[in-house]
Amino acid sequence: MNEFKKLFPNKEAFVIFSLYIILFVFQGVFVTASKTENGGYDYNTTLVVFLSELLKLFISATLYTYKRENKPHLFKAIAINYNLLLLYFIPSLLYCFYNNLAFINLSHYDPTSYYILLQFRVVLTAFLFQFLFSKKLTNMQWVSLCILTLGCMIKNFDAASIQSKGDTDLWSQIFNIYFLSINFQNFCSCLAGTYNEYLLKTKGLNVDIFLQNVFMYLDSVICNFLILFYKGEVNTIFNDMQSLEDIIVILIIVNSAIVGIVTSFFLKNLNSILKTYASALELIITAVVCYILFNILITGFTILSICLVSIAVAMYFKNPVNNNTVNNDKDKKPLLEIVTE
């Protein structure tokens, strides 16, 4: 019980942790359901990402305005905290790189190789976490993270055993010229997440979390628009609005926006290390759900992966990283209202 209290300082933190996993499972299911028979998409994925960022910005601005009470109005608050707005360009730009590199790398890697390489972000996140917060992880925590990484990598061999059927060399697919590209993508993801947590708990400690979300997604919209402009897709992207008639695509956009808001609460009240464990649990749960809904085969690799991830989670829960901020009563009240409504 003491370990649980240390891991989740209050019930709201546990709700956020659970909601984060559930929403990401939904996202995986929605994206899988939106695929065509040949594994592609009949909608503009760039447009979906861009609209999702716009929706996140709208939700954050609305929630700040609704909950601001005696705080300054939105535009005045942005002017007062313009330095923080500029700092949020760092994680926003990194996330922008990550999203665009995902499409590039997926075009050169099969999904199995791609997701195997992405699991190295677990350990990379730990290194960046130590650097930014000047906290040293224990040996037990490092062992747990390594087991978690191995478990996630093994899970992704499911697709290899099904798709390759011995005809292709998985390792030759992994270690090619785009190996550096996917590692840079990993770096962008890890640094964006840990730096976002750093801003929430240091520079923006006394700034309303919804206002910080406005900074994050305003910068993100700007960065994504510049990428679209650079790629010459600004004029053509709006021609693909018809793809939004599909209810699954709408669910992807809405769910992605909610995930973004919940993630900010996760990083504010928990930490990036626990987020990697939540992502691993989401990976396993998604595999089970997709088996039930889409009859996607589960092999021995998944069973072994579940065992390893369970061991890693149990080890971490016994000795979690404590990097939670101490919130005052005013901070706790809106958090409870937003999360549990």
Protein backbone atom coordinates (compact mmCIF):
# COMPACT_ATOMS: atom_id res chain seq x y z
CA MET A 1 0.00 0.00 0.00
CA ASN A 2 2.88 2.35 0.76
CA GLU A 3 4.34 1.65 -2.69
CA PHE A 4 0.98 2.49 -4.27
CA LYS A 5 0.83 5.78 -2.36
CA LYS A 6 4.34 6.62 -3.47
CA LEU A 7 3.50 5.80 -7.07
CA PHE A 8 0.11 7.54 -7.10
CA PRO A 9 0.06 10.32 -4.48
CA ASN A 10 -3.71 10.77 -4.84
CA LYS A 11 -6.66 9.13 -6.55
CA GLU A 12 -6.63 11.72 -9.32
CA ALA A 13 -3.13 10.57 -10.30
CA PHE A 14 -4.34 6.98 -10.62
CA VAL A 15 -7.32 8.14 -12.70
CA ILE A 16 -4.95 9.99 -15.03
CA PHE A 17 -2.68 6.94 -15.32
CA SER A 18 -5.61 4.66 -16.15
CA LEU A 19 -7.23 7.14 -18.52
CA TYR A 20 -3.94 7.61 -20.38
CA ILE A 21 -3.70 3.87 -21.06
CA ILE A 22 -7.38 3.50 -22.01
CA LEU A 23 -7.30 6.42 -24.45
CA PHE A 24 -4.17 5.13 -26.17
CA VAL A 25 -5.74 1.69 -26.50
CA PHE A 26 -8.74 3.35 -28.13
CA GLN A 27 -6.40 5.25 -30.45
CA GLY A 28 -4.70 2.05 -31.54
CA VAL A 29 -8.06 0.40 -32.18
CA PHE A 30 -9.39 3.40 -34.14
CA VAL A 31 -6.27 3.63 -36.32
CA THR A 32 -6.34 -0.12 -36.98
CA ALA A 33 -10.02 0.09 -37.92
CA SER A 34 -9.30 2.96 -40.33
CA LYS A 35 -6.80 0.97 -42.40
CA THR A 36 -7.66 -0.27 -45.86
CA GLU A 37 -7.33 -3.90 -46.90
CA ASN A 38 -3.77 -3.33 -48.13
CA GLY A 39 -2.75 -1.71 -44.84
CA GLY A 40 -2.86 1.90 -46.04
CA TYR A 41 -5.14 4.83 -45.29
CA ASP A 42 -7.72 6.41 -47.56
CA TYR A 43 -7.47 9.76 -45.76
CA ASN A 44 -4.78 12.41 -45.47
CA THR A 45 -2.88 11.56 -42.29
CA THR A 46 -1.14 14.94 -42.27
CA LEU A 47 -4.50 16.68 -42.26
CA VAL A 48 -5.68 14.49 -39.38
CA VAL A 49 -2.60 15.39 -37.30
CA PHE A 50 -2.98 19.09 -38.07
CA LEU A 51 -6.69 19.16 -37.19
CA SER A 52 -5.98 17.24 -34.01
CA GLU A 53 -3.52 19.93 -32.93
CA LEU A 54 -6.08 22.62 -33.72
CA LEU A 55 -8.67 20.81 -31.63
CA LYS A 56 -6.22 20.51 -28.73
CA LEU A 57 -5.62 24.26 -28.92
CA PHE A 58 -9.35 25.00 -28.97
CA ILE A 59 -10.06 22.70 -26.01
CA SER A 60 -7.18 24.13 -23.97
CA ALA A 61 -8.20 27.73 -24.66
CA THR A 62 -11.83 26.97 -23.82
CA LEU A 63 -10.96 25.22 -20.56
CA TYR A 64 -8.62 28.03 -19.51
CA THR A 65 -11.30 30.63 -20.20
CA TYR A 66 -13.94 28.61 -18.37
CA LYS A 67 -11.74 27.91 -15.32
CA ARG A 68 -9.72 31.10 -15.11
CA GLU A 69 -11.82 32.75 -12.33
CA ASN A 70 -9.73 35.78 -11.30
CA LYS A 71 -6.86 35.03 -13.66
CA PRO A 72 -6.17 37.33 -16.63
CA HIS A 73 -7.99 36.69 -19.90
CA LEU A 74 -6.30 34.47 -22.44
CA PHE A 75 -4.55 37.05 -24.62
CA LYS A 76 -3.31 39.01 -21.63
CA ALA A 77 -2.05 35.80 -20.02
CA ILE A 78 -0.16 34.94 -23.20
CA ALA A 79 1.42 38.40 -23.23
CA ILE A 80 2.42 38.12 -19.57
CA ASN A 81 3.97 34.68 -20.02
CA TYR A 82 5.43 35.15 -23.49
CA ASN A 83 8.80 33.75 -22.35
CA LEU A 84 7.13 30.45 -21.50
CA LEU A 85 5.31 30.54 -24.84
CA LEU A 86 8.68 30.76 -26.59
CA LEU A 87 10.12 27.92 -24.51
CA TYR A 88 7.26 25.67 -25.59
CA PHE A 89 8.45 25.98 -29.17
CA ILE A 90 11.16 23.46 -28.23
CA PRO A 91 8.87 20.48 -27.43
CA SER A 92 6.40 21.59 -30.11
CA LEU A 93 9.07 21.57 -32.81
CA LEU A 94 10.43 18.25 -31.56
CA TYR A 95 6.97 16.68 -31.68
CA CYS A 96 6.52 18.13 -35.16
CA PHE A 97 9.76 16.47 -36.30
CA TYR A 98 8.66 13.24 -34.63
CA ASN A 99 5.29 13.14 -36.39
CA ASN A 100 6.77 13.85 -39.81
CA LEU A 101 9.68 11.43 -39.37
CA ALA A 102 7.17 8.75 -38.40
CA PHE A 103 5.69 8.80 -41.90
CA ILE A 104 9.13 8.90 -43.54
CA ASN A 105 10.55 6.04 -41.50
CA LEU A 106 7.42 3.92 -41.84
CA SER A 107 7.78 4.23 -45.60
CA HIS A 108 11.24 2.62 -45.37
CA TYR A 109 10.69 0.18 -42.50
CA ASP A 110 8.13 -2.51 -42.07
CA PRO A 111 5.96 -1.82 -38.99
CA THR A 112 7.67 -4.53 -36.95
CA SER A 113 11.18 -3.15 -37.42
CA TYR A 114 9.90 0.37 -36.85
CA TYR A 115 8.26 -0.38 -33.51
CA ILE A 116 11.20 -2.50 -32.33
CA LEU A 117 13.55 0.44 -32.82
CA LEU A 118 11.11 2.82 -31.13
CA GLN A 119 11.42 0.85 -27.90
CA PHE A 120 14.92 2.22 -27.34
CA ARG A 121 13.21 5.46 -26.30
CA VAL A 122 12.47 3.82 -22.94
CA VAL A 123 16.13 3.89 -21.92
CA LEU A 124 16.76 7.20 -23.69
CA THR A 125 13.92 8.78 -21.73
CA ALA A 126 15.58 7.63 -18.51
CA PHE A 127 18.89 9.26 -19.47
CA LEU A 128 17.21 12.56 -20.39
CA PHE A 129 15.09 12.43 -17.22
CA GLN A 130 18.23 12.10 -15.10
CA PHE A 131 19.88 14.99 -16.90
CA LEU A 132 16.98 17.46 -16.79
CA PHE A 133 15.88 16.75 -13.22
CA SER A 134 19.31 15.90 -11.75
CA LYS A 135 17.94 12.65 -10.35
CA LYS A 136 19.83 9.38 -10.43
CA LEU A 137 17.85 6.23 -11.03
CA THR A 138 18.58 3.22 -8.84
CA ASN A 139 20.06 -0.01 -10.18
CA MET A 140 16.70 -1.73 -9.69
CA GLN A 141 14.96 0.96 -11.73
CA TRP A 142 17.50 0.55 -14.54
CA VAL A 143 17.05 -3.24 -14.54
CA SER A 144 13.29 -2.74 -14.66
CA LEU A 145 13.60 -0.34 -17.61
CA CYS A 146 15.82 -2.76 -19.52
CA ILE A 147 13.36 -5.62 -18.95
CA LEU A 148 10.57 -3.32 -20.09
CA THR A 149 12.49 -2.46 -23.27
CA LEU A 150 13.10 -6.13 -24.00
CA GLY A 151 9.44 -6.96 -23.38
CA CYS A 152 8.26 -4.26 -25.78
CA MET A 153 10.73 -5.36 -28.45
CA ILE A 154 9.67 -8.99 -28.16
CA LYS A 155 6.02 -7.97 -28.51
CA ASN A 156 6.80 -6.52 -31.92
CA PHE A 157 8.25 -9.79 -33.14
CA ASP A 158 4.62 -10.93 -33.38
CA ALA A 159 4.28 -9.16 -36.70
CA ALA A 160 7.65 -10.46 -37.84
CA SER A 161 6.65 -14.07 -37.27
CA ILE A 162 3.38 -13.51 -39.11
CA GLN A 163 4.47 -11.26 -41.98
CA SER A 164 7.96 -12.39 -42.90
CA LYS A 165 7.36 -16.17 -42.76
CA GLY A 166 11.11 -16.65 -42.99
CA ASP A 167 11.38 -14.95 -46.37
CA THR A 168 13.02 -11.76 -45.16
CA ASP A 169 15.84 -10.93 -42.80
CA LEU A 170 14.40 -8.76 -40.03
CA TRP A 171 17.78 -7.45 -38.90
CA SER A 172 18.76 -6.34 -42.41
CA GLN A 173 15.51 -4.37 -42.47
CA ILE A 174 16.36 -2.68 -39.19
CA PHE A 175 19.99 -1.67 -39.70
CA ASN A 176 19.92 0.33 -42.90
CA ILE A 177 20.58 3.91 -43.92
CA TYR A 178 17.46 5.12 -42.11
CA PHE A 179 18.70 3.76 -38.79
CA LEU A 180 20.01 7.24 -37.89
CA SER A 181 16.72 8.80 -38.95
CA ILE A 182 14.65 6.64 -36.63
CA ASN A 183 17.06 7.22 -33.77
CA PHE A 184 16.72 10.95 -34.29
CA GLN A 185 12.96 10.40 -34.19
CA ASN A 186 13.43 8.58 -30.88
CA PHE A 187 15.49 11.47 -29.56
CA CYS A 188 12.83 13.99 -30.58
CA SER A 189 10.11 12.00 -28.83
CA CYS A 190 12.06 11.52 -25.60
CA LEU A 191 13.40 15.06 -25.35
CA ALA A 192 10.00 16.56 -26.16
CA GLY A 193 8.30 14.52 -23.43
CA THR A 194 10.89 15.07 -20.72
CA TYR A 195 11.35 18.76 -21.58
CA ASN A 196 7.59 19.23 -21.52
CA GLU A 197 7.57 17.71 -18.03
CA TYR A 198 10.47 19.98 -17.09
CA LEU A 199 8.53 23.09 -18.16
CA LEU A 200 5.39 21.96 -16.34
CA LYS A 201 7.25 21.38 -13.08
CA THR A 202 9.82 24.20 -13.14
CA LYS A 203 9.40 27.20 -15.43
CA GLY A 204 5.62 26.83 -15.53
CA LEU A 205 5.09 25.56 -12.00
CA ASN A 206 2.86 28.51 -11.07
CA VAL A 207 1.23 28.87 -14.48
CA ASP A 208 -2.21 27.38 -15.12
CA ILE A 209 -1.85 24.01 -16.85
CA PHE A 210 -4.52 24.86 -19.42
CA LEU A 211 -2.62 28.01 -20.33
CA GLN A 212 0.53 25.94 -20.75
CA ASN A 213 -1.43 23.62 -23.02
CA VAL A 214 -2.44 26.66 -25.06
CA PHE A 215 1.25 27.54 -25.42
CA MET A 216 2.11 23.98 -26.40
CA TYR A 217 -0.56 23.57 -29.05
CA LEU A 218 -0.37 27.11 -30.41
CA ASP A 219 3.32 26.54 -31.05
CA SER A 220 2.54 23.08 -32.42
CA VAL A 221 -0.03 24.44 -34.88
CA ILE A 222 2.49 27.03 -36.08
CA CYS A 223 5.24 24.41 -36.49
CA ASN A 224 2.98 21.99 -38.34
CA PHE A 225 1.69 24.74 -40.61
CA LEU A 226 5.26 25.71 -41.50
CA ILE A 227 6.04 22.08 -42.31
CA LEU A 228 2.95 21.90 -44.52
CA PHE A 229 3.98 25.13 -46.23
CA TYR A 230 7.51 23.81 -46.79
CA LYS A 231 6.14 20.58 -48.29
CA GLY A 232 3.75 22.52 -50.53
CA GLU A 233 0.66 20.87 -49.05
CA VAL A 234 -1.13 23.94 -47.71
CA ASN A 235 -3.26 24.38 -50.83
CA THR A 236 -4.01 20.71 -51.37
CA ILE A 237 -4.58 19.60 -47.81
CA PHE A 238 -7.98 21.25 -47.52
CA ASN A 239 -9.17 19.36 -50.57
CA ASP A 240 -9.06 16.23 -48.43
CA MET A 241 -11.72 17.42 -46.00
CA GLN A 242 -14.13 14.87 -47.47
CA SER A 243 -12.19 12.15 -45.67
CA LEU A 244 -13.51 13.57 -42.41
CA GLU A 245 -16.94 12.21 -43.25
CA ASP A 246 -15.76 8.86 -41.92
CA ILE A 247 -16.77 8.49 -38.26
CA ILE A 248 -13.59 6.53 -37.51
CA VAL A 249 -11.42 9.41 -38.72
CA ILE A 250 -13.39 11.83 -36.56
CA LEU A 251 -12.89 9.54 -33.57
CA ILE A 252 -9.14 9.46 -34.26
CA ILE A 253 -8.97 13.27 -34.24
CA VAL A 254 -11.10 13.69 -31.12
CA ASN A 255 -9.42 10.90 -29.18
CA SER A 256 -5.98 12.21 -30.13
CA ALA A 257 -6.93 15.65 -28.83
CA ILE A 258 -8.14 14.22 -25.52
CA VAL A 259 -4.96 12.14 -25.24
CA GLY A 260 -2.90 15.31 -25.60
CA ILE A 261 -4.74 17.04 -22.75
CA VAL A 262 -4.51 13.97 -20.50
CA THR A 263 -0.79 13.62 -21.26
CA SER A 264 -0.14 17.11 -19.92
CA PHE A 265 -1.84 16.16 -16.64
CA PHE A 266 0.18 12.94 -16.61
CA LEU A 267 3.49 14.80 -16.91
CA LYS A 268 2.39 17.46 -14.44
CA ASN A 269 1.31 15.05 -11.71
CA LEU A 270 3.38 11.95 -12.45
CA ASN A 271 6.56 11.68 -14.57
CA SER A 272 8.08 10.61 -17.88
CA ILE A 273 9.46 7.35 -16.48
CA LEU A 274 6.03 6.13 -15.38
CA LYS A 275 4.74 7.23 -18.78
CA THR A 276 7.01 4.67 -20.47
CA TYR A 277 5.48 1.93 -18.33
CA ALA A 278 1.98 3.14 -19.16
CA SER A 279 2.89 3.01 -22.86
CA ALA A 280 4.17 -0.55 -22.48
CA LEU A 281 0.96 -1.64 -20.78
CA GLU A 282 -0.99 0.07 -23.53
CA LEU A 283 0.99 -1.89 -26.13
CA ILE A 284 0.08 -5.21 -24.51
CA ILE A 285 -3.57 -4.32 -23.89
CA THR A 286 -3.93 -3.13 -27.48
CA ALA A 287 -2.65 -6.49 -28.73
CA VAL A 288 -5.29 -8.32 -26.71
CA VAL A 289 -8.09 -5.94 -27.74
CA CYS A 290 -7.12 -6.15 -31.42
CA TYR A 291 -7.16 -9.94 -31.16
CA ILE A 292 -10.71 -9.79 -29.83
CA LEU A 293 -11.99 -7.17 -32.29
CA PHE A 294 -9.95 -7.83 -35.43
CA ASN A 295 -8.78 -11.43 -34.90
CA ILE A 296 -5.13 -10.33 -35.10
CA LEU A 297 -3.14 -13.39 -34.07
CA ILE A 298 -1.34 -13.50 -30.72
CA THR A 299 1.77 -15.66 -30.74
CA GLY A 300 4.16 -16.89 -28.09
CA PHE A 301 6.07 -13.65 -28.46
CA THR A 302 3.12 -11.71 -27.06
CA ILE A 303 2.76 -14.08 -24.12
CA LEU A 304 6.47 -13.76 -23.33
CA SER A 305 6.22 -10.00 -23.73
CA ILE A 306 3.29 -9.81 -21.30
CA CYS A 307 5.33 -11.74 -18.73
CA LEU A 308 8.38 -9.48 -19.11
CA VAL A 309 6.36 -6.27 -19.02
CA SER A 310 4.50 -7.52 -15.95
CA ILE A 311 7.80 -8.27 -14.20
CA ALA A 312 9.19 -4.85 -15.14
CA VAL A 313 6.05 -3.06 -13.93
CA ALA A 314 6.05 -5.00 -10.65
CA MET A 315 9.72 -4.15 -10.08
CA TYR A 316 9.10 -0.48 -10.79
CA PHE A 317 6.00 -0.32 -8.60
CA LYS A 318 8.16 -1.58 -5.72
CA ASN A 319 10.68 1.21 -6.26
CA PRO A 320 9.12 4.05 -8.28
CA VAL A 321 10.69 7.37 -9.23
CA ASN A 322 9.30 10.16 -7.09
CA ASN A 323 9.20 13.32 -9.16
CA ASN A 324 5.74 14.64 -8.42
CA THR A 325 5.02 18.29 -7.80
CA VAL A 326 3.23 19.35 -4.65
CA ASN A 327 0.10 21.15 -5.71
CA ASN A 328 -1.90 23.53 -3.60
CA ASP A 329 -5.65 23.20 -3.12
CA LYS A 330 -6.44 25.51 -6.01
CA ASP A 331 -4.47 23.31 -8.36
CA LYS A 332 -6.11 20.13 -7.11
CA LYS A 333 -9.68 21.29 -7.49
CA PRO A 334 -9.76 21.89 -11.25
CA LEU A 335 -7.75 18.72 -11.85
CA LEU A 336 -10.35 16.62 -10.08
CA GLU A 337 -13.21 18.30 -11.90
CA ILE A 338 -11.71 17.96 -15.36
CA VAL A 339 -10.52 14.39 -15.06
CA THR A 340 -13.58 12.88 -13.46
CA GLU A 341 -16.33 14.64 -15.38
